[in-house]
Amino acid sequence: MLICLSIAGIILSVILLYFNARRYHSTLYLGLFFLVVSLYGMNQYVLLYSNSVLLVALIATNISFTFYLIGPLLYWYIRSILTDNSRLKRTDLLHFLPMVVYLAAALPYMLSPFSHKLEIAKEIINDLGFLSNFNFTVLSAVFSNTAVYLSRPLLALGYTLWAIGIFLRYLTQREKIIVLSGQIFMMKWLAVFLGFQLLLFVCHLSAIFITFTAGSDVFFTLNTLQLLSAVGMIGLLSSPLFFPSILYGLPRIPDSFFKKKM
């Protein structure tokens, strides 16, 4: 199921980026968000279920740096759709910092010979516990492997809570709630979108934390958390199908609308 969801998410992201990103820039962030989340899901499938030495060698760590963009892309999308302004600021460059740090720390492994990666892949397939013991990045010299692995879903969860806070604060501002009140679908969309994200990241983070503290074999027994994570993933990827209007951003309501409300 995970691989099917990941492929579906990649297809969805390609559709969003190809048909809408040029005209409606907020969908650029949404499309990239779905793409990176789908790659994260594919990474999990390859490492845990594929049993393919070649796929594990190709995927393990080589695309992990992109996962640090899940949170920033979410934040930029929520901000752009609420303010109707998709431009990035200079301060937004700071959101790239976690990704850049991880990429720099992972470069020695990423640039290592492919034969070495194949050997590592064999070890991973033979024993998933190897993932928690092998140092894929130089960050492991400072932080534990558990902390490095948890940093990605933890950062995504932090941005999700931040985005929820932005949305709730937006609803408390009278002049802005008037705009949203004219487009109820947008309020419902953001509530559903953020709700499924919260469910997905909380359950996934909990599963990873339990796995690293109790042992790798425990991961496959966490049926409830796995089910809830799947529900979150399915809901997240399918939600645009029920709110197709969101693909065109949040258009501003004319000034005459505000005059009628006054």
C-alpha atoms as a PDB file:
ATOM      1  CA  MET A   1       0.000   0.000   0.000  1.00  0.00           C
ATOM      2  CA  LEU A   2       2.793   2.407   0.882  1.00  0.00           C
ATOM      3  CA  ILE A   3       4.417   2.155  -2.533  1.00  0.00           C
ATOM      4  CA  CYS A   4       1.036   2.653  -4.252  1.00  0.00           C
ATOM      5  CA  LEU A   5       0.360   5.757  -2.162  1.00  0.00           C
ATOM      6  CA  SER A   6       3.824   7.100  -2.925  1.00  0.00           C
ATOM      7  CA  ILE A   7       3.412   6.598  -6.670  1.00  0.00           C
ATOM      8  CA  ALA A   8      -0.051   8.194  -6.548  1.00  0.00           C
ATOM      9  CA  GLY A   9       1.418  11.157  -4.675  1.00  0.00           C
ATOM     10  CA  ILE A  10       4.170  11.604  -7.259  1.00  0.00           C
ATOM     11  CA  ILE A  11       1.597  11.543 -10.076  1.00  0.00           C
ATOM     12  CA  LEU A  12      -0.525  14.108  -8.205  1.00  0.00           C
ATOM     13  CA  SER A  13       2.466  16.378  -7.701  1.00  0.00           C
ATOM     14  CA  VAL A  14       3.406  16.167 -11.391  1.00  0.00           C
ATOM     15  CA  ILE A  15      -0.152  17.125 -12.378  1.00  0.00           C
ATOM     16  CA  LEU A  16      -0.139  20.082  -9.988  1.00  0.00           C
ATOM     17  CA  LEU A  17       3.242  21.314 -11.144  1.00  0.00           C
ATOM     18  CA  TYR A  18       2.627  20.842 -14.859  1.00  0.00           C
ATOM     19  CA  PHE A  19      -0.869  22.295 -15.163  1.00  0.00           C
ATOM     20  CA  ASN A  20      -1.078  24.908 -12.408  1.00  0.00           C
ATOM     21  CA  ALA A  21       2.288  25.971 -10.962  1.00  0.00           C
ATOM     22  CA  ARG A  22       3.123  28.531 -13.649  1.00  0.00           C
ATOM     23  CA  ARG A  23      -0.146  30.416 -13.338  1.00  0.00           C
ATOM     24  CA  TYR A  24      -0.975  29.827  -9.664  1.00  0.00           C
ATOM     25  CA  HIS A  25       2.326  29.962  -7.813  1.00  0.00           C
ATOM     26  CA  SER A  26       0.914  28.706  -4.507  1.00  0.00           C
ATOM     27  CA  THR A  27       0.358  25.315  -6.165  1.00  0.00           C
ATOM     28  CA  LEU A  28       4.110  25.165  -6.796  1.00  0.00           C
ATOM     29  CA  TYR A  29       4.642  24.764  -3.055  1.00  0.00           C
ATOM     30  CA  LEU A  30       1.736  22.312  -2.794  1.00  0.00           C
ATOM     31  CA  GLY A  31       2.983  20.209  -5.699  1.00  0.00           C
ATOM     32  CA  LEU A  32       6.533  20.081  -4.333  1.00  0.00           C
ATOM     33  CA  PHE A  33       5.128  19.282  -0.884  1.00  0.00           C
ATOM     34  CA  PHE A  34       3.259  16.246  -2.219  1.00  0.00           C
ATOM     35  CA  LEU A  35       6.336  15.208  -4.202  1.00  0.00           C
ATOM     36  CA  VAL A  36       8.676  15.263  -1.197  1.00  0.00           C
ATOM     37  CA  VAL A  37       6.120  13.532   1.069  1.00  0.00           C
ATOM     38  CA  SER A  38       5.698  10.833  -1.591  1.00  0.00           C
ATOM     39  CA  LEU A  39       9.471  10.393  -1.884  1.00  0.00           C
ATOM     40  CA  TYR A  40       9.606  10.043   1.897  1.00  0.00           C
ATOM     41  CA  GLY A  41       6.987   7.290   1.709  1.00  0.00           C
ATOM     42  CA  MET A  42       8.880   5.578  -1.102  1.00  0.00           C
ATOM     43  CA  ASN A  43      12.072   5.764   0.953  1.00  0.00           C
ATOM     44  CA  GLN A  44      10.292   4.019   3.841  1.00  0.00           C
ATOM     45  CA  TYR A  45       8.957   1.301   1.540  1.00  0.00           C
ATOM     46  CA  VAL A  46      12.331   0.619  -0.073  1.00  0.00           C
ATOM     47  CA  LEU A  47      14.170   0.392   3.240  1.00  0.00           C
ATOM     48  CA  LEU A  48      11.574  -1.645   5.112  1.00  0.00           C
ATOM     49  CA  TYR A  49       9.728  -3.798   2.603  1.00  0.00           C
ATOM     50  CA  SER A  50      11.394  -3.986  -0.823  1.00  0.00           C
ATOM     51  CA  ASN A  51      14.206  -6.440   0.013  1.00  0.00           C
ATOM     52  CA  SER A  52      15.965  -5.106  -3.070  1.00  0.00           C
ATOM     53  CA  VAL A  53      19.687  -4.534  -2.646  1.00  0.00           C
ATOM     54  CA  LEU A  54      19.777  -2.301  -5.719  1.00  0.00           C
ATOM     55  CA  LEU A  55      16.869  -0.092  -4.643  1.00  0.00           C
ATOM     56  CA  VAL A  56      18.181   0.271  -1.100  1.00  0.00           C
ATOM     57  CA  ALA A  57      21.620   1.215  -2.441  1.00  0.00           C
ATOM     58  CA  LEU A  58      20.062   3.822  -4.731  1.00  0.00           C
ATOM     59  CA  ILE A  59      17.660   5.301  -2.175  1.00  0.00           C
ATOM     60  CA  ALA A  60      19.250   5.063   1.290  1.00  0.00           C
ATOM     61  CA  THR A  61      20.437   8.545   2.371  1.00  0.00           C
ATOM     62  CA  ASN A  62      20.802   9.751  -1.239  1.00  0.00           C
ATOM     63  CA  ILE A  63      17.418  11.545  -1.222  1.00  0.00           C
ATOM     64  CA  SER A  64      17.006  12.015   2.522  1.00  0.00           C
ATOM     65  CA  PHE A  65      18.124  15.644   2.440  1.00  0.00           C
ATOM     66  CA  THR A  66      14.957  16.572   0.506  1.00  0.00           C
ATOM     67  CA  PHE A  67      12.775  15.452   3.425  1.00  0.00           C
ATOM     68  CA  TYR A  68      13.834  18.528   5.374  1.00  0.00           C
ATOM     69  CA  LEU A  69      11.845  20.590   2.868  1.00  0.00           C
ATOM     70  CA  ILE A  70       8.489  19.088   3.870  1.00  0.00           C
ATOM     71  CA  GLY A  71       7.989  21.628   6.646  1.00  0.00           C
ATOM     72  CA  PRO A  72       9.163  24.738   4.762  1.00  0.00           C
ATOM     73  CA  LEU A  73       7.062  23.869   1.702  1.00  0.00           C
ATOM     74  CA  LEU A  74       4.018  23.464   3.938  1.00  0.00           C
ATOM     75  CA  TYR A  75       4.674  26.821   5.602  1.00  0.00           C
ATOM     76  CA  TRP A  76       5.192  28.633   2.299  1.00  0.00           C
ATOM     77  CA  TYR A  77       2.002  27.119   0.880  1.00  0.00           C
ATOM     78  CA  ILE A  78      -0.144  28.070   3.881  1.00  0.00           C
ATOM     79  CA  ARG A  79       1.320  31.574   3.951  1.00  0.00           C
ATOM     80  CA  SER A  80       0.880  32.118   0.218  1.00  0.00           C
ATOM     81  CA  ILE A  81      -2.675  30.843   0.139  1.00  0.00           C
ATOM     82  CA  LEU A  82      -3.775  32.983   3.097  1.00  0.00           C
ATOM     83  CA  THR A  83      -2.023  36.156   2.006  1.00  0.00           C
ATOM     84  CA  ASP A  84      -2.404  35.606  -1.748  1.00  0.00           C
ATOM     85  CA  ASN A  85       1.321  36.341  -2.043  1.00  0.00           C
ATOM     86  CA  SER A  86       3.613  33.509  -3.111  1.00  0.00           C
ATOM     87  CA  ARG A  87       6.876  35.448  -3.130  1.00  0.00           C
ATOM     88  CA  LEU A  88       9.718  34.245  -0.944  1.00  0.00           C
ATOM     89  CA  LYS A  89      11.517  36.662   1.357  1.00  0.00           C
ATOM     90  CA  ARG A  90      15.217  36.799   2.102  1.00  0.00           C
ATOM     91  CA  THR A  91      14.533  35.448   5.573  1.00  0.00           C
ATOM     92  CA  ASP A  92      12.945  32.372   3.972  1.00  0.00           C
ATOM     93  CA  LEU A  93      16.438  31.205   3.090  1.00  0.00           C
ATOM     94  CA  LEU A  94      16.808  30.213   6.738  1.00  0.00           C
ATOM     95  CA  HIS A  95      14.260  27.451   6.173  1.00  0.00           C
ATOM     96  CA  PHE A  96      16.784  25.730   3.889  1.00  0.00           C
ATOM     97  CA  LEU A  97      19.358  25.521   6.686  1.00  0.00           C
ATOM     98  CA  PRO A  98      18.415  22.046   8.076  1.00  0.00           C
ATOM     99  CA  MET A  99      18.487  20.583   4.551  1.00  0.00           C
ATOM    100  CA  VAL A 100      21.853  22.185   3.737  1.00  0.00           C
ATOM    101  CA  VAL A 101      23.396  20.972   7.013  1.00  0.00           C
ATOM    102  CA  TYR A 102      22.186  17.416   6.450  1.00  0.00           C
ATOM    103  CA  LEU A 103      23.280  17.425   2.811  1.00  0.00           C
ATOM    104  CA  ALA A 104      26.770  18.571   3.743  1.00  0.00           C
ATOM    105  CA  ALA A 105      26.951  15.923   6.471  1.00  0.00           C
ATOM    106  CA  ALA A 106      25.757  13.170   4.131  1.00  0.00           C
ATOM    107  CA  LEU A 107      28.006  14.022   1.162  1.00  0.00           C
ATOM    108  CA  PRO A 108      30.840  11.642   2.172  1.00  0.00           C
ATOM    109  CA  TYR A 109      28.439   8.685   2.029  1.00  0.00           C
ATOM    110  CA  MET A 110      26.561   9.973  -1.025  1.00  0.00           C
ATOM    111  CA  LEU A 111      29.850  10.306  -2.949  1.00  0.00           C
ATOM    112  CA  SER A 112      31.187   6.930  -1.811  1.00  0.00           C
ATOM    113  CA  PRO A 113      31.609   4.125  -4.405  1.00  0.00           C
ATOM    114  CA  PHE A 114      28.400   2.356  -5.406  1.00  0.00           C
ATOM    115  CA  SER A 115      29.972  -0.966  -4.473  1.00  0.00           C
ATOM    116  CA  HIS A 116      30.189   0.304  -0.897  1.00  0.00           C
ATOM    117  CA  LYS A 117      26.519   1.305  -0.978  1.00  0.00           C
ATOM    118  CA  LEU A 118      25.607  -2.177  -2.207  1.00  0.00           C
ATOM    119  CA  GLU A 119      27.390  -3.706   0.776  1.00  0.00           C
ATOM    120  CA  ILE A 120      25.546  -1.383   3.139  1.00  0.00           C
ATOM    121  CA  ALA A 121      22.266  -2.247   1.417  1.00  0.00           C
ATOM    122  CA  LYS A 122      22.872  -5.956   2.019  1.00  0.00           C
ATOM    123  CA  GLU A 123      23.438  -5.278   5.705  1.00  0.00           C
ATOM    124  CA  ILE A 124      20.190  -3.289   5.911  1.00  0.00           C
ATOM    125  CA  ILE A 125      18.172  -6.046   4.273  1.00  0.00           C
ATOM    126  CA  ASN A 126      19.691  -8.708   6.515  1.00  0.00           C
ATOM    127  CA  ASP A 127      19.068  -6.666   9.674  1.00  0.00           C
ATOM    128  CA  LEU A 128      16.991  -3.476   9.870  1.00  0.00           C
ATOM    129  CA  GLY A 129      18.689  -2.735  13.179  1.00  0.00           C
ATOM    130  CA  PHE A 130      21.758  -1.886  11.102  1.00  0.00           C
ATOM    131  CA  LEU A 131      20.052   1.411  10.202  1.00  0.00           C
ATOM    132  CA  SER A 132      20.285   2.594  13.797  1.00  0.00           C
ATOM    133  CA  ASN A 133      23.948   1.594  14.145  1.00  0.00           C
ATOM    134  CA  PHE A 134      25.554   2.691  10.886  1.00  0.00           C
ATOM    135  CA  ASN A 135      26.648   6.333  10.627  1.00  0.00           C
ATOM    136  CA  PHE A 136      25.383   7.587   7.273  1.00  0.00           C
ATOM    137  CA  THR A 137      26.331  11.175   8.106  1.00  0.00           C
ATOM    138  CA  VAL A 138      29.009  12.956  10.098  1.00  0.00           C
ATOM    139  CA  LEU A 139      26.186  14.328  12.269  1.00  0.00           C
ATOM    140  CA  SER A 140      26.300  11.011  14.117  1.00  0.00           C
ATOM    141  CA  ALA A 141      29.565  12.167  15.659  1.00  0.00           C
ATOM    142  CA  VAL A 142      27.607  14.878  17.470  1.00  0.00           C
ATOM    143  CA  PHE A 143      24.078  13.486  17.720  1.00  0.00           C
ATOM    144  CA  SER A 144      22.787   9.953  18.104  1.00  0.00           C
ATOM    145  CA  ASN A 145      21.460   8.160  15.029  1.00  0.00           C
ATOM    146  CA  THR A 146      18.053   8.181  16.694  1.00  0.00           C
ATOM    147  CA  ALA A 147      18.112  11.975  16.884  1.00  0.00           C
ATOM    148  CA  VAL A 148      19.120  12.262  13.224  1.00  0.00           C
ATOM    149  CA  TYR A 149      16.304   9.973  12.064  1.00  0.00           C
ATOM    150  CA  LEU A 150      13.738  11.660  14.305  1.00  0.00           C
ATOM    151  CA  SER A 151      14.759  15.141  13.162  1.00  0.00           C
ATOM    152  CA  ARG A 152      12.943  14.795   9.830  1.00  0.00           C
ATOM    153  CA  PRO A 153       9.433  13.855  11.051  1.00  0.00           C
ATOM    154  CA  LEU A 154       9.898  16.041  14.131  1.00  0.00           C
ATOM    155  CA  LEU A 155      10.671  19.068  11.965  1.00  0.00           C
ATOM    156  CA  ALA A 156       7.673  18.285   9.742  1.00  0.00           C
ATOM    157  CA  LEU A 157       5.428  18.019  12.798  1.00  0.00           C
ATOM    158  CA  GLY A 158       6.763  21.308  14.151  1.00  0.00           C
ATOM    159  CA  TYR A 159       5.968  23.096  10.906  1.00  0.00           C
ATOM    160  CA  THR A 160       2.517  21.483  10.852  1.00  0.00           C
ATOM    161  CA  LEU A 161       1.738  22.842  14.314  1.00  0.00           C
ATOM    162  CA  TRP A 162       3.110  26.223  13.218  1.00  0.00           C
ATOM    163  CA  ALA A 163       0.883  26.189  10.126  1.00  0.00           C
ATOM    164  CA  ILE A 164      -2.146  25.282  12.243  1.00  0.00           C
ATOM    165  CA  GLY A 165      -1.328  28.197  14.522  1.00  0.00           C
ATOM    166  CA  ILE A 166      -1.090  30.555  11.532  1.00  0.00           C
ATOM    167  CA  PHE A 167      -4.462  29.364  10.247  1.00  0.00           C
ATOM    168  CA  LEU A 168      -6.168  29.745  13.629  1.00  0.00           C
ATOM    169  CA  ARG A 169      -4.656  33.195  14.135  1.00  0.00           C
ATOM    170  CA  TYR A 170      -5.825  34.172  10.672  1.00  0.00           C
ATOM    171  CA  LEU A 171      -9.392  33.204  11.608  1.00  0.00           C
ATOM    172  CA  THR A 172      -9.336  35.599  14.566  1.00  0.00           C
ATOM    173  CA  GLN A 173      -8.661  38.661  12.382  1.00  0.00           C
ATOM    174  CA  ARG A 174     -11.970  40.207  11.340  1.00  0.00           C
ATOM    175  CA  GLU A 175     -10.917  41.718   8.030  1.00  0.00           C
ATOM    176  CA  LYS A 176      -9.386  38.404   6.952  1.00  0.00           C
ATOM    177  CA  ILE A 177     -12.146  36.127   8.148  1.00  0.00           C
ATOM    178  CA  ILE A 178     -14.492  38.176   5.904  1.00  0.00           C
ATOM    179  CA  VAL A 179     -12.418  37.028   2.939  1.00  0.00           C
ATOM    180  CA  LEU A 180     -12.549  33.407   4.007  1.00  0.00           C
ATOM    181  CA  SER A 181     -16.244  33.609   4.838  1.00  0.00           C
ATOM    182  CA  GLY A 182     -16.859  34.313   1.167  1.00  0.00           C
ATOM    183  CA  GLN A 183     -15.044  31.093   0.303  1.00  0.00           C
ATOM    184  CA  ILE A 184     -16.093  28.458   2.813  1.00  0.00           C
ATOM    185  CA  PHE A 185     -14.474  25.739   0.734  1.00  0.00           C
ATOM    186  CA  MET A 186     -11.063  27.249   1.560  1.00  0.00           C
ATOM    187  CA  MET A 187     -11.651  27.021   5.308  1.00  0.00           C
ATOM    188  CA  LYS A 188     -12.777  23.402   4.956  1.00  0.00           C
ATOM    189  CA  TRP A 189      -9.830  22.570   2.709  1.00  0.00           C
ATOM    190  CA  LEU A 190      -7.229  23.978   5.080  1.00  0.00           C
ATOM    191  CA  ALA A 191      -8.862  22.259   8.066  1.00  0.00           C
ATOM    192  CA  VAL A 192      -8.884  18.883   6.272  1.00  0.00           C
ATOM    193  CA  PHE A 193      -5.409  19.353   4.786  1.00  0.00           C
ATOM    194  CA  LEU A 194      -3.790  20.272   8.105  1.00  0.00           C
ATOM    195  CA  GLY A 195      -5.811  17.685  10.027  1.00  0.00           C
ATOM    196  CA  PHE A 196      -4.589  14.760   7.913  1.00  0.00           C
ATOM    197  CA  GLN A 197      -1.029  16.076   8.107  1.00  0.00           C
ATOM    198  CA  LEU A 198      -1.192  16.235  11.877  1.00  0.00           C
ATOM    199  CA  LEU A 199      -2.497  12.660  12.021  1.00  0.00           C
ATOM    200  CA  LEU A 200       0.188  11.403   9.631  1.00  0.00           C
ATOM    201  CA  PHE A 201       3.185  13.068  11.256  1.00  0.00           C
ATOM    202  CA  VAL A 202       2.155  12.348  14.872  1.00  0.00           C
ATOM    203  CA  CYS A 203       1.610   8.648  14.172  1.00  0.00           C
ATOM    204  CA  HIS A 204       4.714   8.282  12.015  1.00  0.00           C
ATOM    205  CA  LEU A 205       6.917  10.079  14.521  1.00  0.00           C
ATOM    206  CA  SER A 206       5.526   7.914  17.322  1.00  0.00           C
ATOM    207  CA  ALA A 207       6.219   4.738  15.327  1.00  0.00           C
ATOM    208  CA  ILE A 208       9.821   5.737  14.620  1.00  0.00           C
ATOM    209  CA  PHE A 209      10.433   6.734  18.237  1.00  0.00           C
ATOM    210  CA  ILE A 210       9.072   3.430  19.560  1.00  0.00           C
ATOM    211  CA  THR A 211      11.089   1.501  16.965  1.00  0.00           C
ATOM    212  CA  PHE A 212      14.393   3.104  17.927  1.00  0.00           C
ATOM    213  CA  THR A 213      13.766   2.732  21.651  1.00  0.00           C
ATOM    214  CA  ALA A 214      12.309  -0.798  21.654  1.00  0.00           C
ATOM    215  CA  GLY A 215      14.065  -2.408  18.675  1.00  0.00           C
ATOM    216  CA  SER A 216      13.624  -2.545  14.911  1.00  0.00           C
ATOM    217  CA  ASP A 217      11.394  -5.650  14.973  1.00  0.00           C
ATOM    218  CA  VAL A 218       8.759  -3.743  16.935  1.00  0.00           C
ATOM    219  CA  PHE A 219       8.018  -1.526  13.925  1.00  0.00           C
ATOM    220  CA  PHE A 220       6.081  -4.285  12.164  1.00  0.00           C
ATOM    221  CA  THR A 221       3.871  -4.874  15.234  1.00  0.00           C
ATOM    222  CA  LEU A 222       2.665  -1.283  15.547  1.00  0.00           C
ATOM    223  CA  ASN A 223      -0.535  -2.045  13.661  1.00  0.00           C
ATOM    224  CA  THR A 224      -2.623   0.813  15.079  1.00  0.00           C
ATOM    225  CA  LEU A 225       0.000   3.465  14.386  1.00  0.00           C
ATOM    226  CA  GLN A 226       0.629   2.026  10.926  1.00  0.00           C
ATOM    227  CA  LEU A 227      -3.089   2.082  10.165  1.00  0.00           C
ATOM    228  CA  LEU A 228      -3.516   5.665  11.363  1.00  0.00           C
ATOM    229  CA  SER A 229      -0.439   6.724   9.381  1.00  0.00           C
ATOM    230  CA  ALA A 230      -1.976   5.118   6.283  1.00  0.00           C
ATOM    231  CA  VAL A 231      -5.256   6.951   6.925  1.00  0.00           C
ATOM    232  CA  GLY A 232      -3.348  10.218   7.222  1.00  0.00           C
ATOM    233  CA  MET A 233      -1.400   9.546   4.026  1.00  0.00           C
ATOM    234  CA  ILE A 234      -4.490   8.513   2.045  1.00  0.00           C
ATOM    235  CA  GLY A 235      -6.469  11.491   3.323  1.00  0.00           C
ATOM    236  CA  LEU A 236      -3.635  13.899   2.579  1.00  0.00           C
ATOM    237  CA  LEU A 237      -3.098  12.713  -0.988  1.00  0.00           C
ATOM    238  CA  SER A 238      -6.782  12.371  -1.853  1.00  0.00           C
ATOM    239  CA  SER A 239      -7.953  15.642  -0.277  1.00  0.00           C
ATOM    240  CA  PRO A 240      -7.301  17.787  -3.407  1.00  0.00           C
ATOM    241  CA  LEU A 241      -9.770  15.585  -5.308  1.00  0.00           C
ATOM    242  CA  PHE A 242     -12.557  16.769  -3.004  1.00  0.00           C
ATOM    243  CA  PHE A 243     -11.472  20.426  -3.111  1.00  0.00           C
ATOM    244  CA  PRO A 244     -10.456  21.012  -6.753  1.00  0.00           C
ATOM    245  CA  SER A 245     -10.927  24.786  -6.400  1.00  0.00           C
ATOM    246  CA  ILE A 246      -7.860  25.016  -4.158  1.00  0.00           C
ATOM    247  CA  LEU A 247      -5.677  24.378  -7.178  1.00  0.00           C
ATOM    248  CA  TYR A 248      -6.298  27.989  -8.175  1.00  0.00           C
ATOM    249  CA  GLY A 249      -5.179  29.595  -4.911  1.00  0.00           C
ATOM    250  CA  LEU A 250      -7.171  32.034  -2.776  1.00  0.00           C
ATOM    251  CA  PRO A 251      -8.412  34.878  -4.999  1.00  0.00           C
ATOM    252  CA  ARG A 252      -9.131  38.137  -3.273  1.00  0.00           C
ATOM    253  CA  ILE A 253     -12.714  39.309  -2.982  1.00  0.00           C
ATOM    254  CA  PRO A 254     -13.443  42.731  -4.533  1.00  0.00           C
ATOM    255  CA  ASP A 255     -13.624  45.811  -2.311  1.00  0.00           C
ATOM    256  CA  SER A 256     -17.375  46.022  -2.960  1.00  0.00           C
ATOM    257  CA  PHE A 257     -17.736  42.848  -0.964  1.00  0.00           C
ATOM    258  CA  PHE A 258     -16.206  44.505   2.090  1.00  0.00           C
ATOM    259  CA  LYS A 259     -18.457  47.545   1.710  1.00  0.00           C
ATOM    260  CA  LYS A 260     -21.514  45.313   1.799  1.00  0.00           C
ATOM    261  CA  LYS A 261     -20.195  43.696   4.947  1.00  0.00           C
ATOM    262  CA  MET A 262     -19.611  47.010   6.708  1.00  0.00           C
END
